[in-house]
Amino acid sequence: MATVAAASLAAACASSPRETLPTAGESGATLFRLNCASCHGVAGLGDGPVAKSMTVPVPDLTRIAARHGGRFPREEVARIIDGLSPFAAHGSREMPVWGYEFFDPRLEDEAAHALATERVDRLVEYLASIEAGELD
């Protein structure tokens, strides 16, 4: 029951990606603010307004490199954001699968996939830029 309530609250607080598809030129910071900050917090510390209602702790995204021996794992982070990660990075998959959510159905499949990948890449670069640890 708590999981359903948390998912409902997350859906209510977060922007609907399908309704607010980002433009091709939106920055990683803007994508983060629109799509991630409700759970992860404006600064990425895991303290967003929805975080308290989640059934698993929301990770501090400024410490990714610290949790990986001082190196920021860009490819792994991209796979987690995209939803391609083979493991549940957040316990159950409460985090939206952004590769799907960023897929613009108004475009042809190849262009929509390229744009979704570009958006995920911009988020990864933004996360690398807010890291408190050493970057590679």
Protein backbone atom coordinates (compact mmCIF):
# COMPACT_ATOMS: atom_id res chain seq x y z
CA MET A 1 0.00 0.00 0.00
CA ALA A 2 2.85 2.38 0.87
CA THR A 3 4.46 1.67 -2.51
CA VAL A 4 1.26 2.58 -4.33
CA ALA A 5 0.92 5.78 -2.29
CA ALA A 6 4.55 6.71 -2.96
CA ALA A 7 4.16 6.07 -6.67
CA SER A 8 0.98 8.15 -6.75
CA LEU A 9 2.66 11.01 -4.90
CA ALA A 10 5.69 10.83 -7.18
CA ALA A 11 3.44 10.97 -10.22
CA ALA A 12 1.52 13.92 -8.82
CA CYS A 13 4.63 15.94 -7.92
CA ALA A 14 6.75 15.23 -10.99
CA SER A 15 6.16 16.83 -14.35
CA SER A 16 4.58 14.48 -16.83
CA PRO A 17 7.34 13.82 -19.37
CA ARG A 18 4.80 13.01 -22.08
CA GLU A 19 3.11 16.37 -21.59
CA THR A 20 6.30 18.42 -21.20
CA LEU A 21 8.71 16.83 -23.65
CA PRO A 22 11.94 18.81 -23.54
CA THR A 23 13.21 20.52 -26.63
CA ALA A 24 16.37 19.29 -28.32
CA GLY A 25 18.40 22.15 -26.83
CA GLU A 26 17.39 21.90 -23.18
CA SER A 27 20.31 21.68 -20.77
CA GLY A 28 21.00 18.78 -18.45
CA ALA A 29 20.30 21.12 -15.53
CA THR A 30 16.85 21.93 -16.91
CA LEU A 31 16.11 18.26 -17.60
CA PHE A 32 17.15 17.44 -14.03
CA ARG A 33 15.01 20.21 -12.54
CA LEU A 34 11.93 19.18 -14.56
CA ASN A 35 12.24 15.41 -14.22
CA CYS A 36 14.45 14.45 -11.28
CA ALA A 37 14.39 17.13 -8.59
CA SER A 38 11.03 16.09 -7.13
CA CYS A 39 12.74 12.97 -5.75
CA HIS A 40 16.46 13.74 -5.83
CA GLY A 41 16.18 17.39 -4.71
CA VAL A 42 17.28 20.55 -6.49
CA ALA A 43 20.93 19.96 -5.54
CA GLY A 44 20.76 16.17 -6.15
CA LEU A 45 21.17 15.30 -2.46
CA GLY A 46 18.23 12.86 -2.37
CA ASP A 47 16.06 15.27 -0.41
CA GLY A 48 13.32 16.21 -2.86
CA PRO A 49 9.73 16.69 -1.65
CA VAL A 50 8.75 13.18 -2.80
CA ALA A 51 11.79 11.44 -1.25
CA LYS A 52 10.19 11.08 2.19
CA SER A 53 7.34 9.03 0.77
CA MET A 54 9.55 6.59 -1.16
CA THR A 55 9.89 3.02 0.09
CA VAL A 56 13.64 3.00 -0.62
CA PRO A 57 16.13 5.78 0.15
CA VAL A 58 16.61 8.23 -2.70
CA PRO A 59 20.35 8.36 -3.43
CA ASP A 60 22.56 11.41 -3.09
CA LEU A 61 23.58 12.00 -6.71
CA THR A 62 26.51 14.24 -5.73
CA ARG A 63 28.32 11.20 -4.30
CA ILE A 64 28.15 8.76 -7.23
CA ALA A 65 31.90 8.91 -7.83
CA ALA A 66 32.61 8.44 -4.13
CA ARG A 67 30.52 5.26 -4.18
CA HIS A 68 32.54 4.04 -7.19
CA GLY A 69 36.11 4.46 -5.98
CA GLY A 70 36.41 8.11 -7.02
CA ARG A 71 35.41 7.58 -10.66
CA PHE A 72 32.12 8.74 -12.15
CA PRO A 73 30.69 5.73 -14.08
CA ARG A 74 29.06 7.58 -16.97
CA GLU A 75 27.94 4.47 -18.87
CA GLU A 76 26.40 2.83 -15.77
CA VAL A 77 24.62 6.06 -14.82
CA ALA A 78 23.26 6.39 -18.37
CA ARG A 79 21.95 2.79 -18.24
CA ILE A 80 20.22 3.45 -14.91
CA ILE A 81 18.57 6.64 -16.18
CA ASP A 82 17.62 5.02 -19.48
CA GLY A 83 16.19 1.95 -17.75
CA LEU A 84 18.62 -0.45 -19.42
CA SER A 85 20.44 -1.33 -16.20
CA PRO A 86 20.16 -5.08 -15.54
CA PHE A 87 19.67 -4.50 -11.81
CA ALA A 88 17.17 -2.47 -9.85
CA ALA A 89 19.32 0.49 -8.83
CA HIS A 90 16.60 1.89 -6.62
CA GLY A 91 15.33 -1.33 -5.06
CA SER A 92 12.10 -1.72 -6.98
CA ARG A 93 12.01 0.38 -10.14
CA GLU A 94 10.14 3.36 -8.69
CA MET A 95 12.24 5.72 -10.81
CA PRO A 96 10.73 6.35 -14.24
CA VAL A 97 12.43 4.75 -17.22
CA TRP A 98 13.58 8.01 -18.79
CA GLY A 99 14.73 6.42 -22.04
CA TYR A 100 11.08 5.60 -22.66
CA GLU A 101 9.71 8.82 -21.18
CA PHE A 102 12.05 10.98 -23.30
CA PHE A 103 11.05 9.09 -26.48
CA ASP A 104 9.06 11.59 -28.54
CA PRO A 105 6.28 9.69 -30.34
CA ARG A 106 5.85 12.58 -32.77
CA LEU A 107 9.18 11.68 -34.40
CA GLU A 108 10.21 8.70 -36.51
CA ASP A 109 11.65 5.89 -34.36
CA GLU A 110 15.30 6.51 -35.22
CA ALA A 111 15.09 10.25 -34.57
CA ALA A 112 13.05 9.72 -31.38
CA HIS A 113 15.60 7.20 -30.08
CA ALA A 114 18.50 9.55 -30.90
CA LEU A 115 16.79 12.43 -29.10
CA ALA A 116 16.00 10.26 -26.03
CA THR A 117 19.64 9.15 -25.91
CA GLU A 118 20.80 12.77 -26.22
CA ARG A 119 18.58 13.78 -23.29
CA VAL A 120 19.91 10.94 -21.13
CA ASP A 121 23.47 11.94 -22.07
CA ARG A 122 22.78 15.55 -21.05
CA LEU A 123 21.49 14.33 -17.68
CA VAL A 124 24.61 12.19 -17.20
CA GLU A 125 26.88 15.14 -17.95
CA TYR A 126 24.91 17.31 -15.55
CA LEU A 127 25.22 14.68 -12.81
CA ALA A 128 28.97 14.50 -13.45
CA SER A 129 29.12 18.29 -13.08
CA ILE A 130 27.50 18.27 -9.61
CA GLU A 131 29.76 15.53 -8.27
CA ALA A 132 31.45 16.14 -4.95
CA GLY A 133 34.10 13.50 -5.75
CA GLU A 134 36.89 13.21 -8.30
CA LEU A 135 35.79 12.82 -11.90
CA ASP A 136 37.52 10.82 -14.59
